[in-house]
Amino acid sequence: MQKIYRSLPVLSALLLTFLTASCQPTAAPATEAGGYENLTVAQFKEKMDSPEVVVLDVRTPAETAAGKIAGAQELDFKAPNFQEAVGQLDKDKTYLVYCRSGGRSSAAASMMTEMGFTKVYNLTGGYLAWEKE
């Protein structure tokens, strides 16, 4: 019985180590849980050169009036018909999605993958990051 009590601190330490290690975050995969991939500005620019790519600006008209990425198609995420408009897009194309800082475009990219789009990329940091580059 004494042997069990002597090994209890060791077993407790091992258990604590295991539990702590299993709770540590792992490196984030390139593809997010939503099924899309986050890209840096450099990666986003590189993808823009690919054929069959649609750059999708999901900001409001007031935001896009202040500036946007050349050639981007505007589709306001806040519009009541946003999901319906997305449903009209060609699911075989590649979509590079951005907003002001990345929040709405992440939600839009997630929605698109749920709708069956398979090549969706989000600009990390949005248009604010784009302007800094």
C-alpha atoms as a PDB file:
ATOM      1  CA  MET A   1       0.000   0.000   0.000  1.00  0.00           C
ATOM      2  CA  GLN A   2       2.901   2.353   0.770  1.00  0.00           C
ATOM      3  CA  LYS A   3       4.280   1.833  -2.751  1.00  0.00           C
ATOM      4  CA  ILE A   4       1.047   3.130  -4.221  1.00  0.00           C
ATOM      5  CA  TYR A   5       1.144   6.261  -2.064  1.00  0.00           C
ATOM      6  CA  ARG A   6       4.804   6.858  -2.957  1.00  0.00           C
ATOM      7  CA  SER A   7       4.099   6.643  -6.680  1.00  0.00           C
ATOM      8  CA  LEU A   8       0.992   8.836  -6.459  1.00  0.00           C
ATOM      9  CA  PRO A   9       2.921  12.131  -6.843  1.00  0.00           C
ATOM     10  CA  VAL A  10       4.696  10.754  -9.916  1.00  0.00           C
ATOM     11  CA  LEU A  11       1.445   9.549 -11.452  1.00  0.00           C
ATOM     12  CA  SER A  12      -0.207  12.880 -10.670  1.00  0.00           C
ATOM     13  CA  ALA A  13       2.647  14.762 -12.312  1.00  0.00           C
ATOM     14  CA  LEU A  14       2.459  12.563 -15.407  1.00  0.00           C
ATOM     15  CA  LEU A  15      -1.290  13.021 -15.636  1.00  0.00           C
ATOM     16  CA  LEU A  16      -0.982  16.786 -15.233  1.00  0.00           C
ATOM     17  CA  THR A  17       1.734  16.910 -17.910  1.00  0.00           C
ATOM     18  CA  PHE A  18      -0.402  14.896 -20.310  1.00  0.00           C
ATOM     19  CA  LEU A  19      -3.489  17.031 -19.753  1.00  0.00           C
ATOM     20  CA  THR A  20      -1.544  20.270 -20.097  1.00  0.00           C
ATOM     21  CA  ALA A  21       0.178  19.122 -23.281  1.00  0.00           C
ATOM     22  CA  SER A  22      -3.073  17.991 -24.863  1.00  0.00           C
ATOM     23  CA  CYS A  23      -4.584  21.444 -24.295  1.00  0.00           C
ATOM     24  CA  GLN A  24      -1.803  23.289 -26.081  1.00  0.00           C
ATOM     25  CA  PRO A  25      -2.803  24.838 -29.414  1.00  0.00           C
ATOM     26  CA  THR A  26      -1.327  23.244 -32.470  1.00  0.00           C
ATOM     27  CA  ALA A  27      -0.149  25.112 -35.521  1.00  0.00           C
ATOM     28  CA  ALA A  28      -3.158  26.351 -37.455  1.00  0.00           C
ATOM     29  CA  PRO A  29      -3.664  24.499 -40.691  1.00  0.00           C
ATOM     30  CA  ALA A  30      -3.707  26.462 -43.933  1.00  0.00           C
ATOM     31  CA  THR A  31      -7.351  25.619 -44.370  1.00  0.00           C
ATOM     32  CA  GLU A  32      -9.526  26.985 -41.624  1.00  0.00           C
ATOM     33  CA  ALA A  33     -12.354  25.098 -39.989  1.00  0.00           C
ATOM     34  CA  GLY A  34     -14.711  26.955 -42.318  1.00  0.00           C
ATOM     35  CA  GLY A  35     -13.125  25.284 -45.333  1.00  0.00           C
ATOM     36  CA  TYR A  36     -11.373  28.351 -46.717  1.00  0.00           C
ATOM     37  CA  GLU A  37      -7.748  29.432 -46.542  1.00  0.00           C
ATOM     38  CA  ASN A  38      -6.411  32.674 -45.068  1.00  0.00           C
ATOM     39  CA  LEU A  39      -3.781  34.433 -47.179  1.00  0.00           C
ATOM     40  CA  THR A  40      -1.280  37.185 -46.536  1.00  0.00           C
ATOM     41  CA  VAL A  41      -1.283  40.174 -48.878  1.00  0.00           C
ATOM     42  CA  ALA A  42       1.646  38.677 -50.830  1.00  0.00           C
ATOM     43  CA  GLN A  43      -0.130  35.329 -51.201  1.00  0.00           C
ATOM     44  CA  PHE A  44      -3.375  37.080 -52.176  1.00  0.00           C
ATOM     45  CA  LYS A  45      -1.561  39.082 -54.890  1.00  0.00           C
ATOM     46  CA  GLU A  46       0.073  35.916 -56.197  1.00  0.00           C
ATOM     47  CA  LYS A  47      -3.301  34.134 -56.428  1.00  0.00           C
ATOM     48  CA  MET A  48      -4.759  37.113 -58.315  1.00  0.00           C
ATOM     49  CA  ASP A  49      -2.540  36.196 -61.294  1.00  0.00           C
ATOM     50  CA  SER A  50      -4.197  32.788 -61.635  1.00  0.00           C
ATOM     51  CA  PRO A  51      -6.871  32.169 -64.263  1.00  0.00           C
ATOM     52  CA  GLU A  52     -10.512  31.770 -63.230  1.00  0.00           C
ATOM     53  CA  VAL A  53     -10.016  34.001 -60.183  1.00  0.00           C
ATOM     54  CA  VAL A  54     -12.667  36.394 -58.928  1.00  0.00           C
ATOM     55  CA  VAL A  55     -11.653  39.018 -56.393  1.00  0.00           C
ATOM     56  CA  LEU A  56     -14.690  39.636 -54.221  1.00  0.00           C
ATOM     57  CA  ASP A  57     -15.021  42.812 -52.129  1.00  0.00           C
ATOM     58  CA  VAL A  58     -17.692  42.266 -49.470  1.00  0.00           C
ATOM     59  CA  ARG A  59     -17.585  45.765 -47.988  1.00  0.00           C
ATOM     60  CA  THR A  60     -20.414  48.300 -48.138  1.00  0.00           C
ATOM     61  CA  PRO A  61     -20.738  50.696 -51.112  1.00  0.00           C
ATOM     62  CA  ALA A  62     -19.573  53.556 -48.878  1.00  0.00           C
ATOM     63  CA  GLU A  63     -16.393  51.629 -48.041  1.00  0.00           C
ATOM     64  CA  THR A  64     -15.639  50.653 -51.631  1.00  0.00           C
ATOM     65  CA  ALA A  65     -16.179  54.274 -52.757  1.00  0.00           C
ATOM     66  CA  ALA A  66     -13.116  55.191 -50.700  1.00  0.00           C
ATOM     67  CA  GLY A  67     -10.962  52.674 -52.602  1.00  0.00           C
ATOM     68  CA  LYS A  68     -10.793  49.045 -53.584  1.00  0.00           C
ATOM     69  CA  ILE A  69      -8.570  46.436 -55.190  1.00  0.00           C
ATOM     70  CA  ALA A  70      -8.579  46.928 -58.957  1.00  0.00           C
ATOM     71  CA  GLY A  71     -10.950  44.575 -60.733  1.00  0.00           C
ATOM     72  CA  ALA A  72     -12.746  43.457 -57.581  1.00  0.00           C
ATOM     73  CA  GLN A  73     -16.402  42.520 -57.846  1.00  0.00           C
ATOM     74  CA  GLU A  74     -18.472  44.243 -55.160  1.00  0.00           C
ATOM     75  CA  LEU A  75     -20.967  42.219 -53.156  1.00  0.00           C
ATOM     76  CA  ASP A  76     -22.061  43.856 -49.890  1.00  0.00           C
ATOM     77  CA  PHE A  77     -22.013  41.314 -47.046  1.00  0.00           C
ATOM     78  CA  LYS A  78     -24.500  43.445 -45.108  1.00  0.00           C
ATOM     79  CA  ALA A  79     -27.037  43.453 -47.957  1.00  0.00           C
ATOM     80  CA  PRO A  80     -30.185  41.419 -47.241  1.00  0.00           C
ATOM     81  CA  ASN A  81     -29.742  39.448 -50.475  1.00  0.00           C
ATOM     82  CA  PHE A  82     -26.053  38.626 -49.961  1.00  0.00           C
ATOM     83  CA  GLN A  83     -26.496  34.860 -49.640  1.00  0.00           C
ATOM     84  CA  GLU A  84     -28.816  34.789 -52.664  1.00  0.00           C
ATOM     85  CA  ALA A  85     -26.282  36.784 -54.709  1.00  0.00           C
ATOM     86  CA  VAL A  86     -23.482  34.425 -53.672  1.00  0.00           C
ATOM     87  CA  GLY A  87     -25.638  31.515 -54.794  1.00  0.00           C
ATOM     88  CA  GLN A  88     -25.597  32.970 -58.323  1.00  0.00           C
ATOM     89  CA  LEU A  89     -21.790  32.822 -58.521  1.00  0.00           C
ATOM     90  CA  ASP A  90     -19.932  30.095 -60.454  1.00  0.00           C
ATOM     91  CA  LYS A  91     -18.819  27.502 -57.884  1.00  0.00           C
ATOM     92  CA  ASP A  92     -16.023  26.277 -60.170  1.00  0.00           C
ATOM     93  CA  LYS A  93     -14.085  29.552 -59.982  1.00  0.00           C
ATOM     94  CA  THR A  94     -11.557  30.591 -57.376  1.00  0.00           C
ATOM     95  CA  TYR A  95     -12.668  33.394 -55.045  1.00  0.00           C
ATOM     96  CA  LEU A  96     -10.359  35.792 -53.252  1.00  0.00           C
ATOM     97  CA  VAL A  97     -12.526  37.505 -50.651  1.00  0.00           C
ATOM     98  CA  TYR A  98     -11.738  40.613 -48.636  1.00  0.00           C
ATOM     99  CA  CYS A  99     -13.400  43.282 -46.500  1.00  0.00           C
ATOM    100  CA  ARG A 100     -12.055  46.117 -44.375  1.00  0.00           C
ATOM    101  CA  SER A 101     -10.128  44.092 -41.794  1.00  0.00           C
ATOM    102  CA  GLY A 102     -10.975  40.424 -42.370  1.00  0.00           C
ATOM    103  CA  GLY A 103     -14.033  39.751 -40.204  1.00  0.00           C
ATOM    104  CA  ARG A 104     -16.826  39.963 -42.757  1.00  0.00           C
ATOM    105  CA  SER A 105     -14.735  38.295 -45.437  1.00  0.00           C
ATOM    106  CA  SER A 106     -14.050  35.381 -43.062  1.00  0.00           C
ATOM    107  CA  ALA A 107     -17.785  35.012 -42.489  1.00  0.00           C
ATOM    108  CA  ALA A 108     -18.457  35.313 -46.222  1.00  0.00           C
ATOM    109  CA  ALA A 109     -15.757  32.738 -47.050  1.00  0.00           C
ATOM    110  CA  SER A 110     -17.184  30.344 -44.482  1.00  0.00           C
ATOM    111  CA  MET A 111     -20.678  30.815 -45.887  1.00  0.00           C
ATOM    112  CA  MET A 112     -19.403  30.196 -49.401  1.00  0.00           C
ATOM    113  CA  THR A 113     -17.738  26.916 -48.452  1.00  0.00           C
ATOM    114  CA  GLU A 114     -20.936  25.818 -46.705  1.00  0.00           C
ATOM    115  CA  MET A 115     -22.729  26.533 -49.988  1.00  0.00           C
ATOM    116  CA  GLY A 116     -20.383  24.237 -51.909  1.00  0.00           C
ATOM    117  CA  PHE A 117     -17.616  26.560 -53.089  1.00  0.00           C
ATOM    118  CA  THR A 118     -14.299  24.722 -52.888  1.00  0.00           C
ATOM    119  CA  LYS A 119     -11.703  27.364 -53.819  1.00  0.00           C
ATOM    120  CA  VAL A 120     -12.206  30.246 -51.402  1.00  0.00           C
ATOM    121  CA  TYR A 121      -9.452  32.404 -49.927  1.00  0.00           C
ATOM    122  CA  ASN A 122      -9.676  35.190 -47.355  1.00  0.00           C
ATOM    123  CA  LEU A 123      -7.321  38.174 -47.189  1.00  0.00           C
ATOM    124  CA  THR A 124      -5.952  38.298 -43.651  1.00  0.00           C
ATOM    125  CA  GLY A 125      -6.210  41.861 -42.378  1.00  0.00           C
ATOM    126  CA  GLY A 126      -8.475  42.879 -45.259  1.00  0.00           C
ATOM    127  CA  TYR A 127      -8.156  46.076 -47.251  1.00  0.00           C
ATOM    128  CA  LEU A 128      -6.346  47.761 -44.360  1.00  0.00           C
ATOM    129  CA  ALA A 129      -3.500  45.230 -44.747  1.00  0.00           C
ATOM    130  CA  TRP A 130      -3.630  45.621 -48.549  1.00  0.00           C
ATOM    131  CA  GLU A 131      -3.129  49.386 -48.279  1.00  0.00           C
ATOM    132  CA  LYS A 132      -0.092  48.940 -46.010  1.00  0.00           C
ATOM    133  CA  GLU A 133       1.740  46.797 -48.597  1.00  0.00           C
END
